[in-house]
Amino acid sequence: MAERERRSTRRSEREREILEAARAVFAERGYAQGSVAEIAERVGVVEGTIYTYFATKRELLLRVVADFYENLIREVESGLHSIRGAENRLRFLIARHLQVFVQDLGICRVVLSEIRPDPNLYGDAVRELNRRYTALALEVIEQGIRSGELRRDVAPTVLRDLIYGGIEHALWRFVHGGKRIEIETLGEQLGDALLRGALHAEDDTAERLERALSALERRAGAPS
């Protein structure tokens, strides 16, 4: 029994080493250019050993991405518990998402540039993880509407999509060109542009939102 437990522990530790090495390789080189041979070299094993833990390179990538999402979901859920008010909670979600891009740029680039455009990679598993993650914002929006903090005519799914789509658009040059950004400033600008129309029912909401988004886009495109 003790020997079986030791073997199980060793296998779990080796699996974790492989996943950490795979995450680093995919983040640095991307999925297409990252090789199983390099992952094995970083772990200090022969390439064949990797396949005794993960049947394919694709399976290894999906496990790396699943771990990335699961950790992110736990962190965001924990953070939301200590925040009150729909606006504050949505601003937290925006700020955290920006931080993720900066802290895990390589993995975010793989998700955006290689996984999403490929139906074979962006299958049910990754789609469900993304749905669970963005559902956190959807729940905050729906709660805000029920509490009266957000306008009743706000479409929850539309606002959710604007939030995550706006963040990715604003960060496009950073993700693909290394453009320097100020996360705190960008987070405030995005929060103002994306949330003000949902929080205040004024006749000129659409016009003000358009002006705010235009200003944000100009700032995002300005030279460093």
C-alpha atoms as a PDB file:
ATOM      1  CA  MET A   1       0.000   0.000   0.000  1.00  0.00           C
ATOM      2  CA  ALA A   2       2.775   2.448   0.963  1.00  0.00           C
ATOM      3  CA  GLU A   3       4.704   1.659  -2.225  1.00  0.00           C
ATOM      4  CA  ARG A   4       1.590   2.246  -4.345  1.00  0.00           C
ATOM      5  CA  GLU A   5       1.084   5.627  -2.671  1.00  0.00           C
ATOM      6  CA  ARG A   6       4.720   6.564  -3.305  1.00  0.00           C
ATOM      7  CA  ARG A   7       4.381   5.672  -6.985  1.00  0.00           C
ATOM      8  CA  SER A   8       1.183   7.709  -7.203  1.00  0.00           C
ATOM      9  CA  THR A   9       2.889  10.691  -5.562  1.00  0.00           C
ATOM     10  CA  ARG A  10       5.874  10.447  -7.901  1.00  0.00           C
ATOM     11  CA  ARG A  11       3.555  10.278 -10.903  1.00  0.00           C
ATOM     12  CA  SER A  12       1.612  13.331  -9.738  1.00  0.00           C
ATOM     13  CA  GLU A  13       4.830  15.276  -9.180  1.00  0.00           C
ATOM     14  CA  ARG A  14       6.153  14.334 -12.609  1.00  0.00           C
ATOM     15  CA  GLU A  15       2.868  15.294 -14.237  1.00  0.00           C
ATOM     16  CA  ARG A  16       3.031  18.687 -12.558  1.00  0.00           C
ATOM     17  CA  GLU A  17       6.637  19.176 -13.757  1.00  0.00           C
ATOM     18  CA  ILE A  18       5.557  18.373 -17.313  1.00  0.00           C
ATOM     19  CA  LEU A  19       2.640  20.806 -17.145  1.00  0.00           C
ATOM     20  CA  GLU A  20       4.848  23.598 -15.801  1.00  0.00           C
ATOM     21  CA  ALA A  21       7.396  23.024 -18.556  1.00  0.00           C
ATOM     22  CA  ALA A  22       4.668  22.847 -21.210  1.00  0.00           C
ATOM     23  CA  ARG A  23       3.125  26.085 -19.979  1.00  0.00           C
ATOM     24  CA  ALA A  24       6.510  27.816 -20.233  1.00  0.00           C
ATOM     25  CA  VAL A  25       7.235  26.465 -23.725  1.00  0.00           C
ATOM     26  CA  PHE A  26       3.789  27.315 -25.111  1.00  0.00           C
ATOM     27  CA  ALA A  27       3.934  30.779 -23.542  1.00  0.00           C
ATOM     28  CA  GLU A  28       7.351  31.482 -25.047  1.00  0.00           C
ATOM     29  CA  ARG A  29       6.972  29.857 -28.469  1.00  0.00           C
ATOM     30  CA  GLY A  30       3.257  29.349 -29.009  1.00  0.00           C
ATOM     31  CA  TYR A  31       1.506  26.040 -29.536  1.00  0.00           C
ATOM     32  CA  ALA A  32       2.510  25.478 -33.160  1.00  0.00           C
ATOM     33  CA  GLN A  33       6.193  26.240 -32.616  1.00  0.00           C
ATOM     34  CA  GLY A  34       6.541  24.715 -29.158  1.00  0.00           C
ATOM     35  CA  SER A  35       7.725  21.115 -29.306  1.00  0.00           C
ATOM     36  CA  VAL A  36       7.240  18.122 -27.045  1.00  0.00           C
ATOM     37  CA  ALA A  37      10.977  17.515 -27.366  1.00  0.00           C
ATOM     38  CA  GLU A  38      11.739  20.882 -25.760  1.00  0.00           C
ATOM     39  CA  ILE A  39       9.217  20.218 -22.997  1.00  0.00           C
ATOM     40  CA  ALA A  40      10.900  16.887 -22.287  1.00  0.00           C
ATOM     41  CA  GLU A  41      14.325  18.540 -22.276  1.00  0.00           C
ATOM     42  CA  ARG A  42      13.200  21.078 -19.687  1.00  0.00           C
ATOM     43  CA  VAL A  43      11.806  18.350 -17.465  1.00  0.00           C
ATOM     44  CA  GLY A  44      14.956  16.269 -17.903  1.00  0.00           C
ATOM     45  CA  VAL A  45      13.325  13.202 -19.470  1.00  0.00           C
ATOM     46  CA  VAL A  46      13.225  11.619 -22.906  1.00  0.00           C
ATOM     47  CA  GLU A  47      10.403  12.676 -25.227  1.00  0.00           C
ATOM     48  CA  GLY A  48       8.692   9.310 -24.974  1.00  0.00           C
ATOM     49  CA  THR A  49       8.173   9.823 -21.246  1.00  0.00           C
ATOM     50  CA  ILE A  50       5.868  12.775 -21.947  1.00  0.00           C
ATOM     51  CA  TYR A  51       3.551  10.503 -23.912  1.00  0.00           C
ATOM     52  CA  THR A  52       3.149   8.148 -20.975  1.00  0.00           C
ATOM     53  CA  TYR A  53       1.399  11.045 -19.205  1.00  0.00           C
ATOM     54  CA  PHE A  54      -0.268  12.855 -22.103  1.00  0.00           C
ATOM     55  CA  ALA A  55      -1.258  11.019 -25.264  1.00  0.00           C
ATOM     56  CA  THR A  56      -0.795  14.001 -27.593  1.00  0.00           C
ATOM     57  CA  LYS A  57       0.602  17.512 -27.701  1.00  0.00           C
ATOM     58  CA  ARG A  58      -2.990  18.751 -28.073  1.00  0.00           C
ATOM     59  CA  GLU A  59      -4.015  17.008 -24.851  1.00  0.00           C
ATOM     60  CA  LEU A  60      -1.089  18.636 -23.075  1.00  0.00           C
ATOM     61  CA  LEU A  61      -2.082  22.092 -24.341  1.00  0.00           C
ATOM     62  CA  LEU A  62      -5.704  21.647 -23.283  1.00  0.00           C
ATOM     63  CA  ARG A  63      -4.628  20.607 -19.799  1.00  0.00           C
ATOM     64  CA  VAL A  64      -2.406  23.696 -19.517  1.00  0.00           C
ATOM     65  CA  VAL A  65      -5.291  25.913 -20.621  1.00  0.00           C
ATOM     66  CA  ALA A  66      -7.728  24.158 -18.268  1.00  0.00           C
ATOM     67  CA  ASP A  67      -5.402  24.763 -15.309  1.00  0.00           C
ATOM     68  CA  PHE A  68      -5.050  28.410 -16.375  1.00  0.00           C
ATOM     69  CA  TYR A  69      -8.819  28.928 -16.459  1.00  0.00           C
ATOM     70  CA  GLU A  70      -9.537  27.001 -13.256  1.00  0.00           C
ATOM     71  CA  ASN A  71      -7.014  29.069 -11.286  1.00  0.00           C
ATOM     72  CA  LEU A  72      -8.369  32.290 -12.771  1.00  0.00           C
ATOM     73  CA  ILE A  73     -11.980  31.380 -11.980  1.00  0.00           C
ATOM     74  CA  ARG A  74     -11.094  30.582  -8.373  1.00  0.00           C
ATOM     75  CA  GLU A  75      -9.188  33.860  -7.955  1.00  0.00           C
ATOM     76  CA  VAL A  76     -11.984  35.962  -9.427  1.00  0.00           C
ATOM     77  CA  GLU A  77     -14.701  34.213  -7.417  1.00  0.00           C
ATOM     78  CA  SER A  78     -12.694  34.814  -4.246  1.00  0.00           C
ATOM     79  CA  GLY A  79     -12.154  38.480  -5.098  1.00  0.00           C
ATOM     80  CA  LEU A  80     -15.821  39.110  -5.852  1.00  0.00           C
ATOM     81  CA  HIS A  81     -16.890  37.838  -2.431  1.00  0.00           C
ATOM     82  CA  SER A  82     -15.267  40.825  -0.712  1.00  0.00           C
ATOM     83  CA  ILE A  83     -16.616  43.508  -3.073  1.00  0.00           C
ATOM     84  CA  ARG A  84     -20.025  45.161  -2.866  1.00  0.00           C
ATOM     85  CA  GLY A  85     -21.909  46.952  -5.608  1.00  0.00           C
ATOM     86  CA  ALA A  86     -22.266  46.081  -9.295  1.00  0.00           C
ATOM     87  CA  GLU A  87     -20.048  48.915 -10.520  1.00  0.00           C
ATOM     88  CA  ASN A  88     -17.229  48.073  -8.105  1.00  0.00           C
ATOM     89  CA  ARG A  89     -17.460  44.382  -8.933  1.00  0.00           C
ATOM     90  CA  LEU A  90     -17.417  44.981 -12.684  1.00  0.00           C
ATOM     91  CA  ARG A  91     -14.462  47.334 -12.352  1.00  0.00           C
ATOM     92  CA  PHE A  92     -12.679  44.599 -10.399  1.00  0.00           C
ATOM     93  CA  LEU A  93     -13.397  42.104 -13.204  1.00  0.00           C
ATOM     94  CA  ILE A  94     -12.019  44.537 -15.779  1.00  0.00           C
ATOM     95  CA  ALA A  95      -8.874  45.207 -13.731  1.00  0.00           C
ATOM     96  CA  ARG A  96      -8.270  41.497 -13.066  1.00  0.00           C
ATOM     97  CA  HIS A  97      -8.670  40.613 -16.725  1.00  0.00           C
ATOM     98  CA  LEU A  98      -6.130  43.274 -17.667  1.00  0.00           C
ATOM     99  CA  GLN A  99      -3.721  41.905 -15.061  1.00  0.00           C
ATOM    100  CA  VAL A 100      -4.103  38.410 -16.503  1.00  0.00           C
ATOM    101  CA  PHE A 101      -3.018  39.605 -19.944  1.00  0.00           C
ATOM    102  CA  VAL A 102       0.086  41.237 -18.505  1.00  0.00           C
ATOM    103  CA  GLN A 103       1.017  38.416 -16.113  1.00  0.00           C
ATOM    104  CA  ASP A 104       0.209  35.553 -18.499  1.00  0.00           C
ATOM    105  CA  LEU A 105       0.730  37.238 -21.857  1.00  0.00           C
ATOM    106  CA  GLY A 106       2.111  34.139 -23.568  1.00  0.00           C
ATOM    107  CA  ILE A 107      -0.816  31.899 -22.602  1.00  0.00           C
ATOM    108  CA  CYS A 108      -3.346  34.638 -23.427  1.00  0.00           C
ATOM    109  CA  ARG A 109      -1.725  35.026 -26.852  1.00  0.00           C
ATOM    110  CA  VAL A 110      -2.025  31.281 -27.458  1.00  0.00           C
ATOM    111  CA  VAL A 111      -5.717  31.333 -26.482  1.00  0.00           C
ATOM    112  CA  LEU A 112      -6.523  34.327 -28.699  1.00  0.00           C
ATOM    113  CA  SER A 113      -4.334  33.566 -31.711  1.00  0.00           C
ATOM    114  CA  GLU A 114      -4.160  29.770 -31.883  1.00  0.00           C
ATOM    115  CA  ILE A 115      -6.960  28.174 -29.881  1.00  0.00           C
ATOM    116  CA  ARG A 116      -9.956  30.372 -30.679  1.00  0.00           C
ATOM    117  CA  PRO A 117      -9.511  30.363 -34.478  1.00  0.00           C
ATOM    118  CA  ASP A 118      -9.081  26.567 -34.549  1.00  0.00           C
ATOM    119  CA  PRO A 119     -12.321  24.580 -34.058  1.00  0.00           C
ATOM    120  CA  ASN A 120     -10.283  21.486 -33.247  1.00  0.00           C
ATOM    121  CA  LEU A 121      -8.650  23.264 -30.310  1.00  0.00           C
ATOM    122  CA  TYR A 122     -11.494  25.556 -29.262  1.00  0.00           C
ATOM    123  CA  GLY A 123     -13.812  22.624 -28.649  1.00  0.00           C
ATOM    124  CA  ASP A 124     -16.382  21.969 -25.987  1.00  0.00           C
ATOM    125  CA  ALA A 125     -13.858  21.859 -23.123  1.00  0.00           C
ATOM    126  CA  VAL A 126     -12.248  25.259 -23.721  1.00  0.00           C
ATOM    127  CA  ARG A 127     -15.569  26.832 -24.726  1.00  0.00           C
ATOM    128  CA  GLU A 128     -17.120  25.678 -21.448  1.00  0.00           C
ATOM    129  CA  LEU A 129     -14.210  27.050 -19.418  1.00  0.00           C
ATOM    130  CA  ASN A 130     -14.533  30.417 -21.142  1.00  0.00           C
ATOM    131  CA  ARG A 131     -18.303  30.355 -20.560  1.00  0.00           C
ATOM    132  CA  ARG A 132     -17.790  29.680 -16.841  1.00  0.00           C
ATOM    133  CA  TYR A 133     -15.286  32.505 -16.570  1.00  0.00           C
ATOM    134  CA  THR A 134     -17.357  35.142 -18.380  1.00  0.00           C
ATOM    135  CA  ALA A 135     -20.500  33.937 -16.546  1.00  0.00           C
ATOM    136  CA  LEU A 136     -19.066  35.617 -13.438  1.00  0.00           C
ATOM    137  CA  ALA A 137     -19.508  39.019 -15.108  1.00  0.00           C
ATOM    138  CA  LEU A 138     -22.930  38.019 -16.398  1.00  0.00           C
ATOM    139  CA  GLU A 139     -24.065  37.154 -12.875  1.00  0.00           C
ATOM    140  CA  VAL A 140     -22.809  40.506 -11.530  1.00  0.00           C
ATOM    141  CA  ILE A 141     -24.663  42.363 -14.291  1.00  0.00           C
ATOM    142  CA  GLU A 142     -27.906  40.492 -13.668  1.00  0.00           C
ATOM    143  CA  GLN A 143     -27.643  41.127  -9.920  1.00  0.00           C
ATOM    144  CA  GLY A 144     -27.008  44.820 -10.620  1.00  0.00           C
ATOM    145  CA  ILE A 145     -30.145  45.027 -12.739  1.00  0.00           C
ATOM    146  CA  ARG A 146     -32.229  43.336 -10.036  1.00  0.00           C
ATOM    147  CA  SER A 147     -30.867  45.664  -7.346  1.00  0.00           C
ATOM    148  CA  GLY A 148     -31.534  48.749  -9.457  1.00  0.00           C
ATOM    149  CA  GLU A 149     -27.892  49.795  -9.699  1.00  0.00           C
ATOM    150  CA  LEU A 150     -27.868  49.027 -13.412  1.00  0.00           C
ATOM    151  CA  ARG A 151     -30.544  50.092 -15.870  1.00  0.00           C
ATOM    152  CA  ARG A 152     -33.372  47.667 -16.489  1.00  0.00           C
ATOM    153  CA  ASP A 153     -32.987  47.949 -20.256  1.00  0.00           C
ATOM    154  CA  VAL A 154     -29.361  46.784 -20.155  1.00  0.00           C
ATOM    155  CA  ALA A 155     -28.905  43.533 -22.088  1.00  0.00           C
ATOM    156  CA  PRO A 156     -26.676  41.433 -19.786  1.00  0.00           C
ATOM    157  CA  THR A 157     -25.027  39.359 -22.514  1.00  0.00           C
ATOM    158  CA  VAL A 158     -24.346  42.444 -24.640  1.00  0.00           C
ATOM    159  CA  LEU A 159     -22.681  44.297 -21.745  1.00  0.00           C
ATOM    160  CA  ARG A 160     -20.653  41.191 -20.879  1.00  0.00           C
ATOM    161  CA  ASP A 161     -19.458  40.878 -24.480  1.00  0.00           C
ATOM    162  CA  LEU A 162     -18.630  44.599 -24.624  1.00  0.00           C
ATOM    163  CA  ILE A 163     -16.525  44.286 -21.476  1.00  0.00           C
ATOM    164  CA  TYR A 164     -14.381  41.366 -22.634  1.00  0.00           C
ATOM    165  CA  GLY A 165     -14.329  42.423 -26.282  1.00  0.00           C
ATOM    166  CA  GLY A 166     -13.371  45.964 -25.281  1.00  0.00           C
ATOM    167  CA  ILE A 167     -10.518  44.734 -23.126  1.00  0.00           C
ATOM    168  CA  GLU A 168      -9.129  42.523 -25.882  1.00  0.00           C
ATOM    169  CA  HIS A 169      -9.421  45.309 -28.469  1.00  0.00           C
ATOM    170  CA  ALA A 170      -7.678  47.794 -26.191  1.00  0.00           C
ATOM    171  CA  LEU A 171      -4.862  45.323 -25.546  1.00  0.00           C
ATOM    172  CA  TRP A 172      -4.427  44.130 -29.131  1.00  0.00           C
ATOM    173  CA  ARG A 173      -1.213  46.053 -29.745  1.00  0.00           C
ATOM    174  CA  PHE A 174       0.170  44.967 -26.393  1.00  0.00           C
ATOM    175  CA  VAL A 175      -0.606  41.303 -27.047  1.00  0.00           C
ATOM    176  CA  HIS A 176       0.796  41.243 -30.569  1.00  0.00           C
ATOM    177  CA  GLY A 177       3.340  44.042 -30.593  1.00  0.00           C
ATOM    178  CA  GLY A 178       4.572  44.526 -27.062  1.00  0.00           C
ATOM    179  CA  LYS A 179       3.202  48.074 -26.791  1.00  0.00           C
ATOM    180  CA  ARG A 180       3.663  49.424 -23.276  1.00  0.00           C
ATOM    181  CA  ILE A 181       0.452  50.025 -21.304  1.00  0.00           C
ATOM    182  CA  GLU A 182      -0.526  51.482 -17.957  1.00  0.00           C
ATOM    183  CA  ILE A 183      -2.912  48.902 -16.515  1.00  0.00           C
ATOM    184  CA  GLU A 184      -4.458  51.097 -13.835  1.00  0.00           C
ATOM    185  CA  THR A 185      -5.130  53.970 -16.241  1.00  0.00           C
ATOM    186  CA  LEU A 186      -6.483  51.686 -18.946  1.00  0.00           C
ATOM    187  CA  GLY A 187      -8.705  49.923 -16.419  1.00  0.00           C
ATOM    188  CA  GLU A 188     -10.249  53.218 -15.323  1.00  0.00           C
ATOM    189  CA  GLN A 189     -10.789  54.304 -18.919  1.00  0.00           C
ATOM    190  CA  LEU A 190     -12.428  51.019 -19.840  1.00  0.00           C
ATOM    191  CA  GLY A 191     -14.605  51.103 -16.755  1.00  0.00           C
ATOM    192  CA  ASP A 192     -15.770  54.636 -17.564  1.00  0.00           C
ATOM    193  CA  ALA A 193     -16.413  53.869 -21.224  1.00  0.00           C
ATOM    194  CA  LEU A 194     -18.163  50.534 -20.746  1.00  0.00           C
ATOM    195  CA  LEU A 195     -20.148  51.060 -17.569  1.00  0.00           C
ATOM    196  CA  ARG A 196     -21.292  54.663 -17.502  1.00  0.00           C
ATOM    197  CA  GLY A 197     -24.107  54.098 -19.982  1.00  0.00           C
ATOM    198  CA  ALA A 198     -25.351  51.112 -18.016  1.00  0.00           C
ATOM    199  CA  LEU A 199     -25.322  52.990 -14.721  1.00  0.00           C
ATOM    200  CA  HIS A 200     -26.997  56.248 -15.787  1.00  0.00           C
ATOM    201  CA  ALA A 201     -30.225  56.401 -17.767  1.00  0.00           C
ATOM    202  CA  GLU A 202     -29.728  59.691 -19.585  1.00  0.00           C
ATOM    203  CA  ASP A 203     -31.015  60.607 -23.033  1.00  0.00           C
ATOM    204  CA  ASP A 204     -27.514  61.137 -24.430  1.00  0.00           C
ATOM    205  CA  THR A 205     -26.119  57.823 -23.135  1.00  0.00           C
ATOM    206  CA  ALA A 206     -25.353  56.427 -26.600  1.00  0.00           C
ATOM    207  CA  GLU A 207     -23.627  59.618 -27.704  1.00  0.00           C
ATOM    208  CA  ARG A 208     -21.534  59.809 -24.512  1.00  0.00           C
ATOM    209  CA  LEU A 209     -20.585  56.143 -24.761  1.00  0.00           C
ATOM    210  CA  GLU A 210     -19.469  56.622 -28.362  1.00  0.00           C
ATOM    211  CA  ARG A 211     -17.329  59.609 -27.369  1.00  0.00           C
ATOM    212  CA  ALA A 212     -15.770  57.683 -24.472  1.00  0.00           C
ATOM    213  CA  LEU A 213     -14.955  54.683 -26.660  1.00  0.00           C
ATOM    214  CA  SER A 214     -13.431  56.939 -29.323  1.00  0.00           C
ATOM    215  CA  ALA A 215     -11.252  58.633 -26.727  1.00  0.00           C
ATOM    216  CA  LEU A 216     -10.160  55.269 -25.359  1.00  0.00           C
ATOM    217  CA  GLU A 217      -9.259  54.036 -28.826  1.00  0.00           C
ATOM    218  CA  ARG A 218      -7.186  57.155 -29.497  1.00  0.00           C
ATOM    219  CA  ARG A 219      -5.275  56.673 -26.233  1.00  0.00           C
ATOM    220  CA  ALA A 220      -4.695  52.978 -26.963  1.00  0.00           C
ATOM    221  CA  GLY A 221      -3.271  53.863 -30.379  1.00  0.00           C
ATOM    222  CA  ALA A 222      -1.080  56.709 -29.177  1.00  0.00           C
ATOM    223  CA  PRO A 223       2.712  56.089 -29.361  1.00  0.00           C
ATOM    224  CA  SER A 224       4.470  55.065 -26.136  1.00  0.00           C
END
